[in-house]
Amino acid sequence: MRQPIFAANWKMNHAPADAAVFMRTFLAHFGKRQDRSVIFFPPALTFGAVVGALKDRPDILLGVQNIHWEDKGAFTGENSASIARASGAKYVLVGHSERRHVFGETDEQVAKKVASATRAGLTAIVCVGETGAQREAGETTQVVLSQLRAAFAHVTNAEAGNVMVAYEPVWAIGTGKTATPLDASTAHIALRAELGRILDSGSLAVPILYGGSVNRGNAAELLGAPDVDGLLVGGASLDAEGWASIVLT
């Protein structure tokens, strides 16, 4: 069994001072562990404060919530993969549903961001997921596999170790609705099979996380579902003690 991965996406929450307080509380509850990975995705302007707060905890990893696909240039407000890496990031979220549905990010842009991340030595966590309407129409598998294929368009077997996948059904993000362990496992098994077709032997190197209204009450059950390798958590990661209890699941 691979070690479970617990990723906290703070979205647009926690200013630098708030993050420092959060980390003091969190670290008091979460000592060094070798049996799981914990990753934080703070807002860009808070990133440096979290780096400082974790200077004595190299076991806890950091990522950015977004990158541009170009390495440099006249892209006001954007950050490149190389800048993120130089700032201390090891991971980047790519294709989160809010980037797709709020900011209009396309499958082609997601693919370019994944390629940029791997070039810079970042691990991309590629988010895929269906809307409520697509779920009701029975299109879940079709939608998530299409997104997966697009995202891996430029990923080779050798690069597969620098990519993860997160299944985040759009209808479950921030709504309080959660996929059942069976729902999550069914989607993950389909994604794993498709990865096998895309990457051959490299498919087993790709962890698949579940995200969507994960909380203290359902984390253990979701994590125990077949082919669920970890959790990508939004709102429930904003409370330090609550997040500590989830990562200790």
C-alpha atoms as a PDB file:
ATOM      1  CA  MET A   1       0.000   0.000   0.000  1.00  0.00           C
ATOM      2  CA  ARG A   2       1.291   3.483  -0.859  1.00  0.00           C
ATOM      3  CA  GLN A   3       1.469   6.106   1.869  1.00  0.00           C
ATOM      4  CA  PRO A   4      -1.689   8.243   2.078  1.00  0.00           C
ATOM      5  CA  ILE A   5      -1.479  11.843   0.871  1.00  0.00           C
ATOM      6  CA  PHE A   6      -3.313  14.685   2.593  1.00  0.00           C
ATOM      7  CA  ALA A   7      -3.425  17.926   0.599  1.00  0.00           C
ATOM      8  CA  ALA A   8      -4.887  21.169   1.965  1.00  0.00           C
ATOM      9  CA  ASN A   9      -6.162  23.683  -0.602  1.00  0.00           C
ATOM     10  CA  TRP A  10      -6.709  26.938   1.279  1.00  0.00           C
ATOM     11  CA  LYS A  11      -8.061  28.668  -1.850  1.00  0.00           C
ATOM     12  CA  MET A  12      -8.388  32.439  -1.140  1.00  0.00           C
ATOM     13  CA  ASN A  13      -8.181  32.163   2.654  1.00  0.00           C
ATOM     14  CA  HIS A  14      -5.609  32.872   5.394  1.00  0.00           C
ATOM     15  CA  ALA A  15      -3.482  36.011   5.181  1.00  0.00           C
ATOM     16  CA  PRO A  16       0.194  35.649   6.217  1.00  0.00           C
ATOM     17  CA  ALA A  17      -0.411  36.433   9.907  1.00  0.00           C
ATOM     18  CA  ASP A  18      -3.354  34.023  10.032  1.00  0.00           C
ATOM     19  CA  ALA A  19      -1.236  31.324   8.417  1.00  0.00           C
ATOM     20  CA  ALA A  20       1.490  31.740  11.034  1.00  0.00           C
ATOM     21  CA  VAL A  21      -1.056  31.240  13.824  1.00  0.00           C
ATOM     22  CA  PHE A  22      -2.540  28.248  11.981  1.00  0.00           C
ATOM     23  CA  MET A  23       0.852  26.579  11.658  1.00  0.00           C
ATOM     24  CA  ARG A  24       1.733  26.991  15.310  1.00  0.00           C
ATOM     25  CA  THR A  25      -1.491  25.244  16.273  1.00  0.00           C
ATOM     26  CA  PHE A  26      -1.246  22.588  13.589  1.00  0.00           C
ATOM     27  CA  LEU A  27       2.364  21.677  14.377  1.00  0.00           C
ATOM     28  CA  ALA A  28       1.502  21.351  18.064  1.00  0.00           C
ATOM     29  CA  HIS A  29      -0.936  18.591  17.083  1.00  0.00           C
ATOM     30  CA  PHE A  30       0.987  16.977  14.239  1.00  0.00           C
ATOM     31  CA  GLY A  31       4.474  15.666  14.967  1.00  0.00           C
ATOM     32  CA  LYS A  32       6.841  14.284  12.366  1.00  0.00           C
ATOM     33  CA  ARG A  33       5.500  11.178  10.656  1.00  0.00           C
ATOM     34  CA  GLN A  34       7.058   8.925   8.036  1.00  0.00           C
ATOM     35  CA  ASP A  35       3.891   7.077   7.098  1.00  0.00           C
ATOM     36  CA  ARG A  36       1.977   9.845   5.269  1.00  0.00           C
ATOM     37  CA  SER A  37       2.522  12.943   3.152  1.00  0.00           C
ATOM     38  CA  VAL A  38       1.026  16.335   3.998  1.00  0.00           C
ATOM     39  CA  ILE A  39       0.927  19.143   1.418  1.00  0.00           C
ATOM     40  CA  PHE A  40      -0.299  22.723   1.858  1.00  0.00           C
ATOM     41  CA  PHE A  41      -1.514  24.945  -0.975  1.00  0.00           C
ATOM     42  CA  PRO A  42      -1.729  28.469   0.498  1.00  0.00           C
ATOM     43  CA  PRO A  43      -2.650  31.606  -1.478  1.00  0.00           C
ATOM     44  CA  ALA A  44       0.274  33.081  -3.431  1.00  0.00           C
ATOM     45  CA  LEU A  45       0.766  36.087  -1.126  1.00  0.00           C
ATOM     46  CA  THR A  46       0.715  33.817   1.938  1.00  0.00           C
ATOM     47  CA  PHE A  47       3.141  31.271   0.506  1.00  0.00           C
ATOM     48  CA  GLY A  48       6.274  32.896   1.932  1.00  0.00           C
ATOM     49  CA  ALA A  49       4.813  33.023   5.442  1.00  0.00           C
ATOM     50  CA  VAL A  50       4.079  29.300   5.318  1.00  0.00           C
ATOM     51  CA  VAL A  51       7.602  28.578   4.069  1.00  0.00           C
ATOM     52  CA  GLY A  52       8.942  30.429   7.107  1.00  0.00           C
ATOM     53  CA  ALA A  53       6.591  28.682   9.517  1.00  0.00           C
ATOM     54  CA  LEU A  54       7.709  25.282   8.237  1.00  0.00           C
ATOM     55  CA  LYS A  55      11.466  25.943   8.155  1.00  0.00           C
ATOM     56  CA  ASP A  56      12.039  23.239  10.785  1.00  0.00           C
ATOM     57  CA  ARG A  57       9.552  20.782   9.273  1.00  0.00           C
ATOM     58  CA  PRO A  58      10.882  19.624   5.899  1.00  0.00           C
ATOM     59  CA  ASP A  59       8.546  16.639   6.163  1.00  0.00           C
ATOM     60  CA  ILE A  60       5.596  18.938   5.361  1.00  0.00           C
ATOM     61  CA  LEU A  61       5.447  19.911   1.694  1.00  0.00           C
ATOM     62  CA  LEU A  62       4.199  22.984  -0.145  1.00  0.00           C
ATOM     63  CA  GLY A  63       2.486  23.714  -3.416  1.00  0.00           C
ATOM     64  CA  VAL A  64       0.949  26.600  -5.328  1.00  0.00           C
ATOM     65  CA  GLN A  65      -2.659  26.759  -6.449  1.00  0.00           C
ATOM     66  CA  ASN A  66      -1.996  27.761 -10.049  1.00  0.00           C
ATOM     67  CA  ILE A  67       0.735  28.521 -12.605  1.00  0.00           C
ATOM     68  CA  HIS A  68       0.943  29.983 -16.089  1.00  0.00           C
ATOM     69  CA  TRP A  69       2.148  27.622 -18.786  1.00  0.00           C
ATOM     70  CA  GLU A  70       4.862  29.986 -20.047  1.00  0.00           C
ATOM     71  CA  ASP A  71       8.211  30.059 -18.254  1.00  0.00           C
ATOM     72  CA  LYS A  72       8.384  33.879 -18.251  1.00  0.00           C
ATOM     73  CA  GLY A  73       6.947  36.899 -20.030  1.00  0.00           C
ATOM     74  CA  ALA A  74       4.426  39.732 -19.955  1.00  0.00           C
ATOM     75  CA  PHE A  75       1.669  37.978 -17.999  1.00  0.00           C
ATOM     76  CA  THR A  76       0.667  40.406 -15.249  1.00  0.00           C
ATOM     77  CA  GLY A  77      -0.694  38.681 -12.168  1.00  0.00           C
ATOM     78  CA  GLU A  78       0.605  35.240 -13.115  1.00  0.00           C
ATOM     79  CA  ASN A  79       3.403  33.055 -11.724  1.00  0.00           C
ATOM     80  CA  SER A  80       5.440  30.479 -13.619  1.00  0.00           C
ATOM     81  CA  ALA A  81       6.356  26.960 -12.575  1.00  0.00           C
ATOM     82  CA  SER A  82      10.007  27.953 -12.316  1.00  0.00           C
ATOM     83  CA  ILE A  83       9.167  30.889  -9.995  1.00  0.00           C
ATOM     84  CA  ALA A  84       7.035  28.571  -7.852  1.00  0.00           C
ATOM     85  CA  ARG A  85       9.856  26.032  -7.651  1.00  0.00           C
ATOM     86  CA  ALA A  86      12.414  28.701  -6.730  1.00  0.00           C
ATOM     87  CA  SER A  87      10.090  29.957  -3.979  1.00  0.00           C
ATOM     88  CA  GLY A  88       9.954  26.539  -2.307  1.00  0.00           C
ATOM     89  CA  ALA A  89       6.998  24.816  -3.985  1.00  0.00           C
ATOM     90  CA  LYS A  90       7.194  21.169  -4.930  1.00  0.00           C
ATOM     91  CA  TYR A  91       3.590  20.778  -6.129  1.00  0.00           C
ATOM     92  CA  VAL A  92       0.998  22.683  -8.131  1.00  0.00           C
ATOM     93  CA  LEU A  93      -2.746  22.244  -8.530  1.00  0.00           C
ATOM     94  CA  VAL A  94      -3.777  22.174 -12.185  1.00  0.00           C
ATOM     95  CA  GLY A  95      -7.289  22.228 -13.602  1.00  0.00           C
ATOM     96  CA  HIS A  96      -9.182  22.681 -10.348  1.00  0.00           C
ATOM     97  CA  SER A  97     -12.905  23.011 -11.042  1.00  0.00           C
ATOM     98  CA  GLU A  98     -12.854  26.650  -9.943  1.00  0.00           C
ATOM     99  CA  ARG A  99     -10.141  27.367 -12.497  1.00  0.00           C
ATOM    100  CA  ARG A 100     -12.178  25.550 -15.145  1.00  0.00           C
ATOM    101  CA  HIS A 101     -15.663  26.838 -14.340  1.00  0.00           C
ATOM    102  CA  VAL A 102     -15.004  30.276 -12.811  1.00  0.00           C
ATOM    103  CA  PHE A 103     -11.994  31.342 -14.882  1.00  0.00           C
ATOM    104  CA  GLY A 104     -12.720  29.410 -18.060  1.00  0.00           C
ATOM    105  CA  GLU A 105      -9.616  27.235 -18.087  1.00  0.00           C
ATOM    106  CA  THR A 106      -9.694  24.758 -20.958  1.00  0.00           C
ATOM    107  CA  ASP A 107      -8.402  21.205 -21.316  1.00  0.00           C
ATOM    108  CA  GLU A 108      -5.703  22.511 -23.661  1.00  0.00           C
ATOM    109  CA  GLN A 109      -4.524  25.044 -21.075  1.00  0.00           C
ATOM    110  CA  VAL A 110      -4.498  22.354 -18.400  1.00  0.00           C
ATOM    111  CA  ALA A 111      -2.285  20.186 -20.612  1.00  0.00           C
ATOM    112  CA  LYS A 112       0.140  23.062 -21.173  1.00  0.00           C
ATOM    113  CA  LYS A 113       0.311  23.759 -17.429  1.00  0.00           C
ATOM    114  CA  VAL A 114       1.049  20.102 -16.677  1.00  0.00           C
ATOM    115  CA  ALA A 115       3.855  20.145 -19.248  1.00  0.00           C
ATOM    116  CA  SER A 116       5.257  23.371 -17.769  1.00  0.00           C
ATOM    117  CA  ALA A 117       5.149  21.928 -14.254  1.00  0.00           C
ATOM    118  CA  THR A 118       7.027  18.767 -15.191  1.00  0.00           C
ATOM    119  CA  ARG A 119       9.660  20.790 -17.081  1.00  0.00           C
ATOM    120  CA  ALA A 120      10.310  22.840 -13.945  1.00  0.00           C
ATOM    121  CA  GLY A 121      10.459  19.825 -11.633  1.00  0.00           C
ATOM    122  CA  LEU A 122       7.108  20.404  -9.947  1.00  0.00           C
ATOM    123  CA  THR A 123       4.617  17.624  -9.341  1.00  0.00           C
ATOM    124  CA  ALA A 124       1.273  18.549 -10.903  1.00  0.00           C
ATOM    125  CA  ILE A 125      -1.929  17.448  -9.202  1.00  0.00           C
ATOM    126  CA  VAL A 126      -4.409  17.309 -12.067  1.00  0.00           C
ATOM    127  CA  CYS A 127      -8.018  17.830 -10.979  1.00  0.00           C
ATOM    128  CA  VAL A 128     -10.852  16.188 -12.903  1.00  0.00           C
ATOM    129  CA  GLY A 129     -14.546  15.996 -12.143  1.00  0.00           C
ATOM    130  CA  GLU A 130     -18.071  16.167 -13.480  1.00  0.00           C
ATOM    131  CA  THR A 131     -20.852  18.682 -12.817  1.00  0.00           C
ATOM    132  CA  GLY A 132     -24.157  17.744 -11.226  1.00  0.00           C
ATOM    133  CA  ALA A 133     -25.894  17.831 -14.606  1.00  0.00           C
ATOM    134  CA  GLN A 134     -23.274  15.547 -16.126  1.00  0.00           C
ATOM    135  CA  ARG A 135     -23.626  13.159 -13.212  1.00  0.00           C
ATOM    136  CA  GLU A 136     -27.411  13.054 -13.600  1.00  0.00           C
ATOM    137  CA  ALA A 137     -26.959  12.342 -17.317  1.00  0.00           C
ATOM    138  CA  GLY A 138     -24.725   9.369 -16.524  1.00  0.00           C
ATOM    139  CA  GLU A 139     -21.684  11.059 -18.067  1.00  0.00           C
ATOM    140  CA  THR A 140     -19.280  10.907 -15.112  1.00  0.00           C
ATOM    141  CA  THR A 141     -16.860   8.386 -16.593  1.00  0.00           C
ATOM    142  CA  GLN A 142     -16.928   9.959 -20.044  1.00  0.00           C
ATOM    143  CA  VAL A 143     -16.205  13.442 -18.645  1.00  0.00           C
ATOM    144  CA  VAL A 144     -13.411  12.566 -16.223  1.00  0.00           C
ATOM    145  CA  LEU A 145     -11.614  10.274 -18.663  1.00  0.00           C
ATOM    146  CA  SER A 146     -11.768  12.943 -21.361  1.00  0.00           C
ATOM    147  CA  GLN A 147     -10.246  15.470 -18.952  1.00  0.00           C
ATOM    148  CA  LEU A 148      -7.595  12.944 -17.939  1.00  0.00           C
ATOM    149  CA  ARG A 149      -6.570  12.149 -21.505  1.00  0.00           C
ATOM    150  CA  ALA A 150      -6.282  15.848 -22.329  1.00  0.00           C
ATOM    151  CA  ALA A 151      -4.174  16.575 -19.239  1.00  0.00           C
ATOM    152  CA  PHE A 152      -1.749  13.732 -19.989  1.00  0.00           C
ATOM    153  CA  ALA A 153      -1.363  14.622 -23.660  1.00  0.00           C
ATOM    154  CA  HIS A 154       2.276  15.628 -23.173  1.00  0.00           C
ATOM    155  CA  VAL A 155       3.202  13.334 -20.253  1.00  0.00           C
ATOM    156  CA  THR A 156       5.581  10.450 -20.917  1.00  0.00           C
ATOM    157  CA  ASN A 157       6.029   7.306 -18.849  1.00  0.00           C
ATOM    158  CA  ALA A 158       9.241   8.796 -17.476  1.00  0.00           C
ATOM    159  CA  GLU A 159       7.344  11.884 -16.285  1.00  0.00           C
ATOM    160  CA  ALA A 160       4.433   9.991 -14.738  1.00  0.00           C
ATOM    161  CA  GLY A 161       6.089  10.097 -11.325  1.00  0.00           C
ATOM    162  CA  ASN A 162       5.725  13.894 -11.401  1.00  0.00           C
ATOM    163  CA  VAL A 163       1.957  13.849 -11.812  1.00  0.00           C
ATOM    164  CA  MET A 164      -0.926  13.016  -9.504  1.00  0.00           C
ATOM    165  CA  VAL A 165      -4.661  13.013 -10.193  1.00  0.00           C
ATOM    166  CA  ALA A 166      -7.445  14.322  -7.982  1.00  0.00           C
ATOM    167  CA  TYR A 167     -11.034  13.281  -8.635  1.00  0.00           C
ATOM    168  CA  GLU A 168     -13.164  16.198  -7.448  1.00  0.00           C
ATOM    169  CA  PRO A 169     -16.794  15.956  -8.507  1.00  0.00           C
ATOM    170  CA  VAL A 170     -17.860  19.562  -9.083  1.00  0.00           C
ATOM    171  CA  TRP A 171     -21.234  18.970  -7.450  1.00  0.00           C
ATOM    172  CA  ALA A 172     -19.481  18.008  -4.187  1.00  0.00           C
ATOM    173  CA  ILE A 173     -17.044  20.934  -3.892  1.00  0.00           C
ATOM    174  CA  GLY A 174     -18.096  23.337  -1.161  1.00  0.00           C
ATOM    175  CA  THR A 175     -21.691  22.114  -1.270  1.00  0.00           C
ATOM    176  CA  GLY A 176     -21.736  19.770   1.704  1.00  0.00           C
ATOM    177  CA  LYS A 177     -22.636  16.957  -0.682  1.00  0.00           C
ATOM    178  CA  THR A 178     -20.043  14.203  -0.719  1.00  0.00           C
ATOM    179  CA  ALA A 179     -19.519  11.298  -3.057  1.00  0.00           C
ATOM    180  CA  THR A 180     -19.970   7.991  -1.292  1.00  0.00           C
ATOM    181  CA  PRO A 181     -16.900   5.786  -0.919  1.00  0.00           C
ATOM    182  CA  LEU A 182     -18.386   3.627  -3.694  1.00  0.00           C
ATOM    183  CA  ASP A 183     -18.814   6.680  -5.967  1.00  0.00           C
ATOM    184  CA  ALA A 184     -15.215   7.718  -5.320  1.00  0.00           C
ATOM    185  CA  SER A 185     -13.829   4.226  -5.768  1.00  0.00           C
ATOM    186  CA  THR A 186     -15.760   3.676  -9.013  1.00  0.00           C
ATOM    187  CA  ALA A 187     -14.360   6.863 -10.511  1.00  0.00           C
ATOM    188  CA  HIS A 188     -10.846   6.113  -9.271  1.00  0.00           C
ATOM    189  CA  ILE A 189     -10.871   2.587 -10.707  1.00  0.00           C
ATOM    190  CA  ALA A 190     -11.933   3.990 -14.096  1.00  0.00           C
ATOM    191  CA  LEU A 191      -9.188   6.624 -13.919  1.00  0.00           C
ATOM    192  CA  ARG A 192      -6.587   4.006 -12.986  1.00  0.00           C
ATOM    193  CA  ALA A 193      -7.597   1.828 -15.914  1.00  0.00           C
ATOM    194  CA  GLU A 194      -7.362   4.790 -18.297  1.00  0.00           C
ATOM    195  CA  LEU A 195      -3.954   5.703 -16.900  1.00  0.00           C
ATOM    196  CA  GLY A 196      -2.905   2.159 -17.744  1.00  0.00           C
ATOM    197  CA  ARG A 197      -3.893   2.752 -21.359  1.00  0.00           C
ATOM    198  CA  ILE A 198      -2.145   6.133 -21.464  1.00  0.00           C
ATOM    199  CA  LEU A 199       1.037   5.311 -19.590  1.00  0.00           C
ATOM    200  CA  ASP A 200       1.393   1.529 -19.638  1.00  0.00           C
ATOM    201  CA  SER A 201       3.550   0.571 -16.643  1.00  0.00           C
ATOM    202  CA  GLY A 202       3.818   4.206 -15.500  1.00  0.00           C
ATOM    203  CA  SER A 203       0.189   4.215 -14.381  1.00  0.00           C
ATOM    204  CA  LEU A 204       0.957   2.654 -11.009  1.00  0.00           C
ATOM    205  CA  ALA A 205       3.233   5.582 -10.152  1.00  0.00           C
ATOM    206  CA  VAL A 206       0.325   8.034 -10.240  1.00  0.00           C
ATOM    207  CA  PRO A 207      -1.561   8.522  -6.944  1.00  0.00           C
ATOM    208  CA  ILE A 208      -5.267   9.351  -7.253  1.00  0.00           C
ATOM    209  CA  LEU A 209      -6.757  11.588  -4.551  1.00  0.00           C
ATOM    210  CA  TYR A 210     -10.397  12.282  -3.753  1.00  0.00           C
ATOM    211  CA  GLY A 211     -11.697  15.777  -3.047  1.00  0.00           C
ATOM    212  CA  GLY A 212     -15.150  17.237  -2.448  1.00  0.00           C
ATOM    213  CA  SER A 213     -16.653  18.172   0.944  1.00  0.00           C
ATOM    214  CA  VAL A 214     -14.212  15.969   2.847  1.00  0.00           C
ATOM    215  CA  ASN A 215     -14.449  16.467   6.612  1.00  0.00           C
ATOM    216  CA  ARG A 216     -13.491  14.822   9.894  1.00  0.00           C
ATOM    217  CA  GLY A 217     -16.609  12.687   9.790  1.00  0.00           C
ATOM    218  CA  ASN A 218     -16.060  11.079   6.383  1.00  0.00           C
ATOM    219  CA  ALA A 219     -12.282  11.246   5.831  1.00  0.00           C
ATOM    220  CA  ALA A 220     -11.476   7.772   7.147  1.00  0.00           C
ATOM    221  CA  GLU A 221     -14.238   6.065   5.166  1.00  0.00           C
ATOM    222  CA  LEU A 222     -13.272   7.825   1.931  1.00  0.00           C
ATOM    223  CA  LEU A 223      -9.593   7.092   2.448  1.00  0.00           C
ATOM    224  CA  GLY A 224     -10.410   3.438   3.003  1.00  0.00           C
ATOM    225  CA  ALA A 225     -12.210   3.055  -0.327  1.00  0.00           C
ATOM    226  CA  PRO A 226     -10.422   0.972  -3.000  1.00  0.00           C
ATOM    227  CA  ASP A 227      -7.992   2.945  -5.189  1.00  0.00           C
ATOM    228  CA  VAL A 228      -8.278   6.142  -3.103  1.00  0.00           C
ATOM    229  CA  ASP A 229      -4.672   7.124  -2.384  1.00  0.00           C
ATOM    230  CA  GLY A 230      -5.317  10.333  -0.494  1.00  0.00           C
ATOM    231  CA  LEU A 231      -7.524  13.362   0.043  1.00  0.00           C
ATOM    232  CA  LEU A 232      -7.541  16.891  -1.384  1.00  0.00           C
ATOM    233  CA  VAL A 233      -9.400  19.037   1.126  1.00  0.00           C
ATOM    234  CA  GLY A 234     -10.702  22.595   0.903  1.00  0.00           C
ATOM    235  CA  GLY A 235     -12.878  24.097   3.628  1.00  0.00           C
ATOM    236  CA  ALA A 236     -12.087  21.464   6.264  1.00  0.00           C
ATOM    237  CA  SER A 237      -8.368  22.285   5.958  1.00  0.00           C
ATOM    238  CA  LEU A 238      -8.844  25.875   7.172  1.00  0.00           C
ATOM    239  CA  ASP A 239      -9.161  24.945  10.846  1.00  0.00           C
ATOM    240  CA  ALA A 240      -5.813  23.871  12.307  1.00  0.00           C
ATOM    241  CA  GLU A 241      -7.085  21.361  14.856  1.00  0.00           C
ATOM    242  CA  GLY A 242      -9.650  19.954  12.458  1.00  0.00           C
ATOM    243  CA  TRP A 243      -7.056  19.535   9.738  1.00  0.00           C
ATOM    244  CA  ALA A 244      -4.685  17.839  12.172  1.00  0.00           C
ATOM    245  CA  SER A 245      -7.394  15.321  13.029  1.00  0.00           C
ATOM    246  CA  ILE A 246      -7.924  14.556   9.328  1.00  0.00           C
ATOM    247  CA  VAL A 247      -4.226  14.048   8.546  1.00  0.00           C
ATOM    248  CA  LEU A 248      -3.991  11.732  11.542  1.00  0.00           C
ATOM    249  CA  THR A 249      -6.811   9.572  10.125  1.00  0.00           C
END
